[in-house]
């Protein structure tokens, strides 16, 4: 009863946040401290997914799991993991400079220890690359070099990073469409990953690569579970699920056999 009451009041608070104008900074009380967000709609969606639906919840027989968070965003996932496992060791990657500042402020405000914040994106090399921010809580790398984009971000080759770790208890990859290329580059280094979360995106007017991604997981000895990352439309043949960039977004949970 008490849990239901708390959830009800949380939904009420989220409702008022959702009413706020988009693309503006604001605060939301979590564990009696102010958590900074930079876009009301995306924050509400993330909070429901992470803290109410507990999409990242996992159970492991150790008090200090190693968690690699690729696409840490403003830090909701980091805060959730630290609440779930206070002694966890978390290493995060977030390429967007503006979002990274919010991520750091939130981690500092909540006094999160054993959290390493890296202002880089994960990719298949260590070069700088074009980056496009959508003005809310996400952005994506741009491989088209024929056009000029205002931002470039530093990248780190995830494969080289994984080689240094003996065991990774959870690897979270939410990198806005770069996931298949990165995992393909890392396919020989996934044996030390116990649990793997991937948000899969397919770009409009580009070949879909879900089959390639699932093949990588199968050959790396993972079993997987898939659900929709966003609510699917009714009658998909009549109304495709798409936004300005992606026509499919899926959550993939992979478990090492």
Protein backbone atom coordinates (compact mmCIF):
# COMPACT_ATOMS: atom_id res chain seq x y z
CA UNK A 1 0.00 0.00 0.00
CA UNK A 2 2.78 2.43 0.97
CA UNK A 3 4.74 1.63 -2.20
CA UNK A 4 1.64 2.29 -4.33
CA UNK A 5 1.09 5.60 -2.54
CA UNK A 6 4.70 6.67 -3.13
CA UNK A 7 4.40 5.72 -6.80
CA UNK A 8 1.17 7.73 -7.09
CA UNK A 9 2.79 10.87 -5.66
CA UNK A 10 5.81 10.35 -7.91
CA UNK A 11 3.56 10.23 -10.95
CA UNK A 12 1.91 13.44 -9.78
CA UNK A 13 5.27 15.17 -9.52
CA UNK A 14 6.29 13.85 -12.93
CA UNK A 15 3.05 15.16 -14.41
CA UNK A 16 3.94 18.72 -13.37
CA UNK A 17 7.47 18.31 -14.74
CA UNK A 18 6.06 17.14 -18.06
CA UNK A 19 3.98 20.32 -18.24
CA UNK A 20 7.11 22.46 -18.18
CA UNK A 21 8.45 23.87 -21.48
CA UNK A 22 10.90 21.63 -23.30
CA UNK A 23 14.65 22.21 -23.59
CA UNK A 24 14.90 24.11 -20.30
CA UNK A 25 16.84 23.22 -17.18
CA UNK A 26 14.92 22.19 -14.08
CA UNK A 27 15.19 20.20 -10.85
CA UNK A 28 13.50 17.05 -9.58
CA UNK A 29 13.78 15.77 -6.02
CA UNK A 30 15.26 12.27 -5.82
CA UNK A 31 16.23 10.87 -2.42
CA UNK A 32 15.62 14.38 -1.00
CA UNK A 33 18.23 15.98 -3.25
CA UNK A 34 17.89 18.07 -6.40
CA UNK A 35 18.57 16.23 -9.63
CA UNK A 36 19.18 18.50 -12.64
CA UNK A 37 17.47 17.80 -15.94
CA UNK A 38 17.69 19.72 -19.21
CA UNK A 39 14.52 18.62 -21.01
CA UNK A 40 11.23 17.87 -19.26
CA UNK A 41 9.78 15.32 -21.69
CA UNK A 42 12.89 13.19 -22.04
CA UNK A 43 13.54 13.31 -18.28
CA UNK A 44 10.04 12.06 -17.45
CA UNK A 45 10.41 9.22 -19.94
CA UNK A 46 13.82 8.21 -18.60
CA UNK A 47 12.75 8.45 -14.97
CA UNK A 48 9.73 6.19 -15.53
CA UNK A 49 11.85 3.68 -17.40
CA UNK A 50 14.72 3.60 -14.91
CA UNK A 51 13.22 4.24 -11.48
CA UNK A 52 9.61 3.09 -11.80
CA UNK A 53 9.81 0.26 -14.34
CA UNK A 54 13.38 -0.55 -13.23
CA UNK A 55 14.52 -1.51 -16.71
CA UNK A 56 18.16 -1.81 -15.56
CA UNK A 57 17.58 -3.84 -12.41
CA UNK A 58 19.84 -6.87 -12.08
CA UNK A 59 20.94 -9.28 -9.38
CA UNK A 60 24.46 -10.51 -8.84
CA UNK A 61 26.25 -12.27 -5.99
CA UNK A 62 28.74 -9.55 -5.16
CA UNK A 63 28.51 -6.20 -3.42
CA UNK A 64 30.80 -4.28 -5.77
CA UNK A 65 29.88 -5.10 -9.37
CA UNK A 66 31.71 -3.37 -12.19
CA UNK A 67 29.30 -1.46 -14.42
CA UNK A 68 30.27 0.19 -17.71
CA UNK A 69 27.71 2.81 -18.75
CA UNK A 70 28.08 3.88 -22.39
CA UNK A 71 25.76 6.80 -22.90
CA UNK A 72 25.38 7.87 -19.27
CA UNK A 73 23.45 10.97 -20.27
CA UNK A 74 22.56 13.22 -17.29
CA UNK A 75 23.18 10.45 -14.76
CA UNK A 76 19.82 8.83 -13.96
CA UNK A 77 21.18 5.38 -14.74
CA UNK A 78 24.29 6.03 -12.63
CA UNK A 79 22.16 7.14 -9.68
CA UNK A 80 19.94 4.09 -10.05
CA UNK A 81 22.91 1.70 -10.15
CA UNK A 82 24.46 3.35 -7.09
CA UNK A 83 21.20 3.03 -5.19
CA UNK A 84 20.94 -0.63 -6.23
CA UNK A 85 24.59 -1.42 -5.42
CA UNK A 86 26.13 1.35 -3.26
CA UNK A 87 29.60 -0.24 -3.47
CA UNK A 88 29.53 -0.70 -7.22
CA UNK A 89 32.35 0.56 -9.41
CA UNK A 90 30.93 2.51 -12.36
CA UNK A 91 32.76 3.81 -15.40
CA UNK A 92 30.76 6.09 -17.66
CA UNK A 93 31.07 7.56 -21.14
CA UNK A 94 29.16 10.62 -22.33
CA UNK A 95 30.41 12.54 -25.40
CA UNK A 96 28.11 15.59 -25.36
CA UNK A 97 29.98 18.39 -23.57
CA UNK A 98 26.84 20.16 -22.29
CA UNK A 99 25.20 16.96 -21.07
CA UNK A 100 28.48 15.84 -19.51
CA UNK A 101 28.52 18.97 -17.32
CA UNK A 102 25.05 18.08 -16.03
CA UNK A 103 26.13 14.47 -15.50
CA UNK A 104 29.10 15.64 -13.42
CA UNK A 105 26.99 18.10 -11.41
CA UNK A 106 24.44 15.41 -10.57
CA UNK A 107 27.10 12.89 -9.54
CA UNK A 108 28.83 15.52 -7.39
CA UNK A 109 25.56 16.65 -5.80
CA UNK A 110 24.70 13.08 -4.79
CA UNK A 111 28.25 12.40 -3.57
CA UNK A 112 28.58 9.28 -5.72
CA UNK A 113 31.88 7.53 -5.08
CA UNK A 114 33.75 5.02 -7.25
CA UNK A 115 32.23 6.63 -10.34
CA UNK A 116 34.57 7.53 -13.21
CA UNK A 117 33.17 10.07 -15.67
CA UNK A 118 34.71 10.14 -19.14
CA UNK A 119 33.75 12.92 -21.56
CA UNK A 120 34.11 10.74 -24.65
CA UNK A 121 31.88 8.57 -26.78
CA UNK A 122 32.54 4.90 -27.51
CA UNK A 123 33.38 4.02 -31.07
CA UNK A 124 35.65 1.83 -33.23
CA UNK A 125 38.65 4.17 -33.01
CA UNK A 126 40.05 7.02 -30.90
CA UNK A 127 39.49 9.87 -33.35
CA UNK A 128 37.32 12.96 -33.10
CA UNK A 129 34.05 12.70 -34.98
CA UNK A 130 31.14 14.94 -36.01
CA UNK A 131 28.36 15.10 -33.44
CA UNK A 132 24.78 16.30 -33.66
CA UNK A 133 22.87 17.27 -30.51
CA UNK A 134 19.07 17.23 -30.59
CA UNK A 135 18.76 19.92 -27.92
CA UNK A 136 17.42 17.59 -25.23
CA UNK A 137 19.21 14.73 -23.49
CA UNK A 138 20.64 12.91 -26.46
CA UNK A 139 22.78 13.31 -29.51
CA UNK A 140 24.47 11.09 -32.04
CA UNK A 141 27.66 10.81 -34.02
CA UNK A 142 27.56 11.72 -37.71
CA UNK A 143 29.63 9.67 -40.16
CA UNK A 144 28.82 11.88 -43.15
CA UNK A 145 31.94 14.00 -43.74
CA UNK A 146 30.47 15.82 -46.73
CA UNK A 147 28.60 18.25 -44.46
CA UNK A 148 29.89 20.55 -41.76
CA UNK A 149 28.54 20.13 -38.24
CA UNK A 150 29.15 22.59 -35.39
CA UNK A 151 30.40 20.02 -32.89
CA UNK A 152 33.07 17.38 -32.77
CA UNK A 153 33.50 14.96 -29.89
CA UNK A 154 36.34 12.77 -28.72
CA UNK A 155 35.89 9.02 -29.02
CA UNK A 156 37.46 6.01 -27.35
CA UNK A 157 37.69 2.54 -28.85
CA UNK A 158 35.51 0.42 -26.58
CA UNK A 159 37.28 -2.76 -27.66
CA UNK A 160 40.57 -1.54 -26.19
CA UNK A 161 38.80 -0.52 -22.99
CA UNK A 162 37.14 -3.92 -22.56
CA UNK A 163 40.47 -5.69 -22.94
CA UNK A 164 41.67 -4.09 -19.70
CA UNK A 165 38.83 -5.48 -17.56
CA UNK A 166 38.84 -9.07 -16.29
CA UNK A 167 35.08 -9.18 -15.73
CA UNK A 168 32.36 -6.65 -16.44
CA UNK A 169 29.17 -7.42 -14.55
CA UNK A 170 26.97 -5.11 -16.62
CA UNK A 171 27.74 -3.33 -19.87
CA UNK A 172 25.09 -0.78 -20.85
CA UNK A 173 25.16 0.55 -24.42
CA UNK A 174 22.77 3.34 -25.37
CA UNK A 175 24.66 5.26 -28.04
CA UNK A 176 21.97 6.40 -30.49
CA UNK A 177 22.59 4.20 -33.50
CA UNK A 178 26.32 3.43 -33.19
CA UNK A 179 25.74 0.20 -31.24
CA UNK A 180 26.06 -2.33 -34.08
CA UNK A 181 29.39 -0.96 -35.33
CA UNK A 182 30.80 -0.81 -31.80
CA UNK A 183 29.68 -4.33 -30.86
CA UNK A 184 30.96 -5.73 -34.14
CA UNK A 185 34.36 -4.23 -33.34
CA UNK A 186 34.15 -5.69 -29.79
CA UNK A 187 32.86 -9.15 -30.72
CA UNK A 188 36.08 -10.93 -29.65
CA UNK A 189 36.13 -9.11 -26.31
CA UNK A 190 32.61 -9.80 -25.04
CA UNK A 191 33.53 -13.01 -23.23
CA UNK A 192 34.28 -11.07 -20.03
CA UNK A 193 30.85 -9.36 -20.05
CA UNK A 194 28.27 -11.07 -17.86
CA UNK A 195 25.18 -8.93 -18.61
CA UNK A 196 24.73 -6.68 -21.60
CA UNK A 197 22.04 -4.07 -22.26
CA UNK A 198 21.73 -2.54 -25.73
CA UNK A 199 19.27 0.00 -27.06
CA UNK A 200 19.05 -0.81 -30.74
CA UNK A 201 18.17 1.90 -33.28
CA UNK A 202 17.55 1.60 -37.00
CA UNK A 203 17.91 4.72 -39.12
CA UNK A 204 15.22 5.75 -41.56
CA UNK A 205 16.24 5.06 -45.17
CA UNK A 206 19.22 2.92 -44.11
CA UNK A 207 19.60 -0.86 -43.98
CA UNK A 208 18.40 -2.39 -40.73
CA UNK A 209 21.11 -4.25 -38.82
CA UNK A 210 19.17 -6.09 -36.13
CA UNK A 211 20.08 -9.47 -37.64
CA UNK A 212 23.77 -8.53 -37.56
CA UNK A 213 23.52 -7.47 -33.92
CA UNK A 214 21.78 -10.69 -32.86
CA UNK A 215 24.38 -12.74 -34.73
CA UNK A 216 27.12 -11.00 -32.75
CA UNK A 217 25.36 -11.88 -29.50
CA UNK A 218 24.76 -15.49 -30.54
CA UNK A 219 28.38 -16.04 -31.55
CA UNK A 220 29.54 -14.44 -28.28
CA UNK A 221 27.46 -17.05 -26.40
CA UNK A 222 24.67 -14.74 -25.19
CA UNK A 223 20.98 -15.46 -24.89
CA UNK A 224 18.76 -12.41 -25.24
CA UNK A 225 15.36 -10.93 -24.52
CA UNK A 226 13.88 -8.08 -26.59
CA UNK A 227 11.13 -5.54 -25.95
CA UNK A 228 10.09 -2.19 -27.41
CA UNK A 229 12.06 0.84 -26.27
CA UNK A 230 9.09 3.07 -27.04
CA UNK A 231 5.40 2.30 -27.26
CA UNK A 232 4.56 0.74 -30.65
CA UNK A 233 1.70 2.19 -32.71
CA UNK A 234 -1.62 0.50 -33.29
CA UNK A 235 -1.89 -1.06 -36.74
CA UNK A 236 1.83 -0.79 -37.64
CA UNK A 237 1.13 -1.54 -41.32
CA UNK A 238 -0.89 1.67 -41.46
CA UNK A 239 1.25 3.85 -39.21
CA UNK A 240 4.93 3.09 -38.94
CA UNK A 241 6.71 3.68 -35.68
CA UNK A 242 9.17 6.43 -36.49
CA UNK A 243 10.49 9.84 -35.54
CA UNK A 244 12.72 12.16 -37.54
CA UNK A 245 15.70 9.80 -37.28
CA UNK A 246 14.79 6.24 -36.26
CA UNK A 247 12.03 3.89 -37.37
CA UNK A 248 12.75 1.22 -34.76
CA UNK A 249 14.05 1.29 -31.19
CA UNK A 250 14.40 -1.88 -29.13
CA UNK A 251 15.74 -2.80 -25.69
CA UNK A 252 17.92 -5.90 -25.86
CA UNK A 253 18.89 -7.71 -22.66
CA UNK A 254 21.66 -10.25 -23.19
CA UNK A 255 22.79 -12.88 -20.67
CA UNK A 256 26.05 -14.76 -20.97
CA UNK A 257 25.47 -18.52 -20.89
